[in-house]
């Protein structure tokens, strides 16, 4: 993790397109302004996690199931079982 110190009205760049600016500091709270392209979603972490849970519940697929499927695909070099040359 990169840790940076910034003062009010100072900005951090992520790549060429994302700017994070310290807008205000009051006590132990920091207000950030985030400027990013429309195709990049920006959420507070708790909102992002809630969206992920809802999406997972909607598909009926558990994360562990996806991890097992990914492991099996990697074991077969991305080829479905039974299609590999012997």
C-alpha atoms as a PDB file:
ATOM      1  CA  UNK A   1       0.000   0.000   0.000  1.00  0.00           C
ATOM      2  CA  UNK A   2       1.278   3.437  -0.924  1.00  0.00           C
ATOM      3  CA  UNK A   3       0.735   6.005   1.840  1.00  0.00           C
ATOM      4  CA  UNK A   4       0.803   9.683   0.864  1.00  0.00           C
ATOM      5  CA  UNK A   5       0.442  12.860   2.896  1.00  0.00           C
ATOM      6  CA  UNK A   6      -1.618  15.652   1.367  1.00  0.00           C
ATOM      7  CA  UNK A   7      -2.937  18.966   2.614  1.00  0.00           C
ATOM      8  CA  UNK A   8      -6.212  20.670   1.768  1.00  0.00           C
ATOM      9  CA  UNK A   9      -6.577  21.412  -1.976  1.00  0.00           C
ATOM     10  CA  UNK A  10      -3.710  19.071  -2.892  1.00  0.00           C
ATOM     11  CA  UNK A  11      -4.307  16.316  -5.439  1.00  0.00           C
ATOM     12  CA  UNK A  12      -3.190  12.746  -6.080  1.00  0.00           C
ATOM     13  CA  UNK A  13      -3.215  11.372  -9.642  1.00  0.00           C
ATOM     14  CA  UNK A  14      -3.986   7.736 -10.443  1.00  0.00           C
ATOM     15  CA  UNK A  15      -2.930   7.088 -14.006  1.00  0.00           C
ATOM     16  CA  UNK A  16      -3.759   9.893 -16.414  1.00  0.00           C
ATOM     17  CA  UNK A  17      -7.493  10.076 -15.773  1.00  0.00           C
ATOM     18  CA  UNK A  18      -8.232   9.891 -12.034  1.00  0.00           C
ATOM     19  CA  UNK A  19      -7.702  12.812  -9.656  1.00  0.00           C
ATOM     20  CA  UNK A  20      -8.283  12.645  -5.908  1.00  0.00           C
ATOM     21  CA  UNK A  21      -8.300  16.024  -4.168  1.00  0.00           C
ATOM     22  CA  UNK A  22      -8.399  16.722  -0.445  1.00  0.00           C
ATOM     23  CA  UNK A  23     -11.385  19.060  -0.226  1.00  0.00           C
ATOM     24  CA  UNK A  24     -11.649  19.540   3.544  1.00  0.00           C
ATOM     25  CA  UNK A  25     -10.201  18.269   6.815  1.00  0.00           C
ATOM     26  CA  UNK A  26     -12.233  18.516  10.031  1.00  0.00           C
ATOM     27  CA  UNK A  27     -10.987  16.687  13.089  1.00  0.00           C
ATOM     28  CA  UNK A  28     -10.563  13.045  12.157  1.00  0.00           C
ATOM     29  CA  UNK A  29     -12.607  13.325   8.945  1.00  0.00           C
ATOM     30  CA  UNK A  30     -11.208  14.014   5.487  1.00  0.00           C
ATOM     31  CA  UNK A  31     -13.439  14.964   2.545  1.00  0.00           C
ATOM     32  CA  UNK A  32     -12.137  13.823  -0.830  1.00  0.00           C
ATOM     33  CA  UNK A  33     -13.184  14.923  -4.285  1.00  0.00           C
ATOM     34  CA  UNK A  34     -12.746  12.271  -6.968  1.00  0.00           C
ATOM     35  CA  UNK A  35     -12.672  13.038 -10.669  1.00  0.00           C
ATOM     36  CA  UNK A  36     -12.734   9.958 -12.900  1.00  0.00           C
ATOM     37  CA  UNK A  37     -14.036   8.991 -16.348  1.00  0.00           C
ATOM     38  CA  UNK A  38     -17.709   7.962 -16.404  1.00  0.00           C
ATOM     39  CA  UNK A  39     -16.868   4.332 -17.235  1.00  0.00           C
ATOM     40  CA  UNK A  40     -14.986   3.967 -13.928  1.00  0.00           C
ATOM     41  CA  UNK A  41     -17.315   3.353 -11.019  1.00  0.00           C
ATOM     42  CA  UNK A  42     -16.395   5.041  -7.744  1.00  0.00           C
ATOM     43  CA  UNK A  43     -18.037   3.808  -4.523  1.00  0.00           C
ATOM     44  CA  UNK A  44     -17.353   3.838  -0.811  1.00  0.00           C
ATOM     45  CA  UNK A  45     -16.049   0.387   0.122  1.00  0.00           C
ATOM     46  CA  UNK A  46     -19.144  -0.586   2.129  1.00  0.00           C
ATOM     47  CA  UNK A  47     -21.364   0.298  -0.846  1.00  0.00           C
ATOM     48  CA  UNK A  48     -19.092  -1.645  -3.234  1.00  0.00           C
ATOM     49  CA  UNK A  49     -19.221  -4.723  -0.966  1.00  0.00           C
ATOM     50  CA  UNK A  50     -23.025  -4.510  -0.762  1.00  0.00           C
ATOM     51  CA  UNK A  51     -23.229  -4.357  -4.572  1.00  0.00           C
ATOM     52  CA  UNK A  52     -20.936  -7.399  -4.841  1.00  0.00           C
ATOM     53  CA  UNK A  53     -23.094  -9.353  -2.361  1.00  0.00           C
ATOM     54  CA  UNK A  54     -26.262  -8.459  -4.261  1.00  0.00           C
ATOM     55  CA  UNK A  55     -24.716  -9.449  -7.593  1.00  0.00           C
ATOM     56  CA  UNK A  56     -23.499 -12.755  -6.170  1.00  0.00           C
ATOM     57  CA  UNK A  57     -26.915 -13.488  -4.648  1.00  0.00           C
ATOM     58  CA  UNK A  58     -28.646 -12.637  -7.937  1.00  0.00           C
ATOM     59  CA  UNK A  59     -26.529 -15.131  -9.893  1.00  0.00           C
ATOM     60  CA  UNK A  60     -26.910 -17.928  -7.362  1.00  0.00           C
ATOM     61  CA  UNK A  61     -23.174 -18.597  -7.707  1.00  0.00           C
ATOM     62  CA  UNK A  62     -20.938 -18.559  -4.662  1.00  0.00           C
ATOM     63  CA  UNK A  63     -17.429 -17.064  -4.755  1.00  0.00           C
ATOM     64  CA  UNK A  64     -15.972 -20.419  -3.645  1.00  0.00           C
ATOM     65  CA  UNK A  65     -17.625 -22.073  -6.662  1.00  0.00           C
ATOM     66  CA  UNK A  66     -15.960 -19.546  -8.964  1.00  0.00           C
ATOM     67  CA  UNK A  67     -12.579 -20.147  -7.330  1.00  0.00           C
ATOM     68  CA  UNK A  68     -12.904 -23.920  -7.850  1.00  0.00           C
ATOM     69  CA  UNK A  69     -13.933 -23.413 -11.491  1.00  0.00           C
ATOM     70  CA  UNK A  70     -10.998 -21.060 -12.062  1.00  0.00           C
ATOM     71  CA  UNK A  71      -8.584 -23.556 -10.510  1.00  0.00           C
ATOM     72  CA  UNK A  72      -9.921 -26.358 -12.736  1.00  0.00           C
ATOM     73  CA  UNK A  73      -9.661 -24.216 -15.862  1.00  0.00           C
ATOM     74  CA  UNK A  74      -6.082 -23.250 -15.049  1.00  0.00           C
ATOM     75  CA  UNK A  75      -5.211 -26.898 -14.470  1.00  0.00           C
ATOM     76  CA  UNK A  76      -6.428 -27.655 -17.987  1.00  0.00           C
ATOM     77  CA  UNK A  77      -4.655 -24.615 -19.488  1.00  0.00           C
ATOM     78  CA  UNK A  78      -7.952 -22.943 -20.200  1.00  0.00           C
ATOM     79  CA  UNK A  79      -9.187 -25.875 -22.316  1.00  0.00           C
ATOM     80  CA  UNK A  80     -12.321 -27.781 -21.329  1.00  0.00           C
ATOM     81  CA  UNK A  81     -11.601 -31.273 -19.943  1.00  0.00           C
ATOM     82  CA  UNK A  82     -11.500 -33.931 -22.655  1.00  0.00           C
ATOM     83  CA  UNK A  83     -10.228 -31.574 -25.384  1.00  0.00           C
ATOM     84  CA  UNK A  84      -6.538 -31.878 -24.605  1.00  0.00           C
ATOM     85  CA  UNK A  85      -4.169 -33.911 -26.746  1.00  0.00           C
ATOM     86  CA  UNK A  86      -2.610 -36.945 -25.081  1.00  0.00           C
END
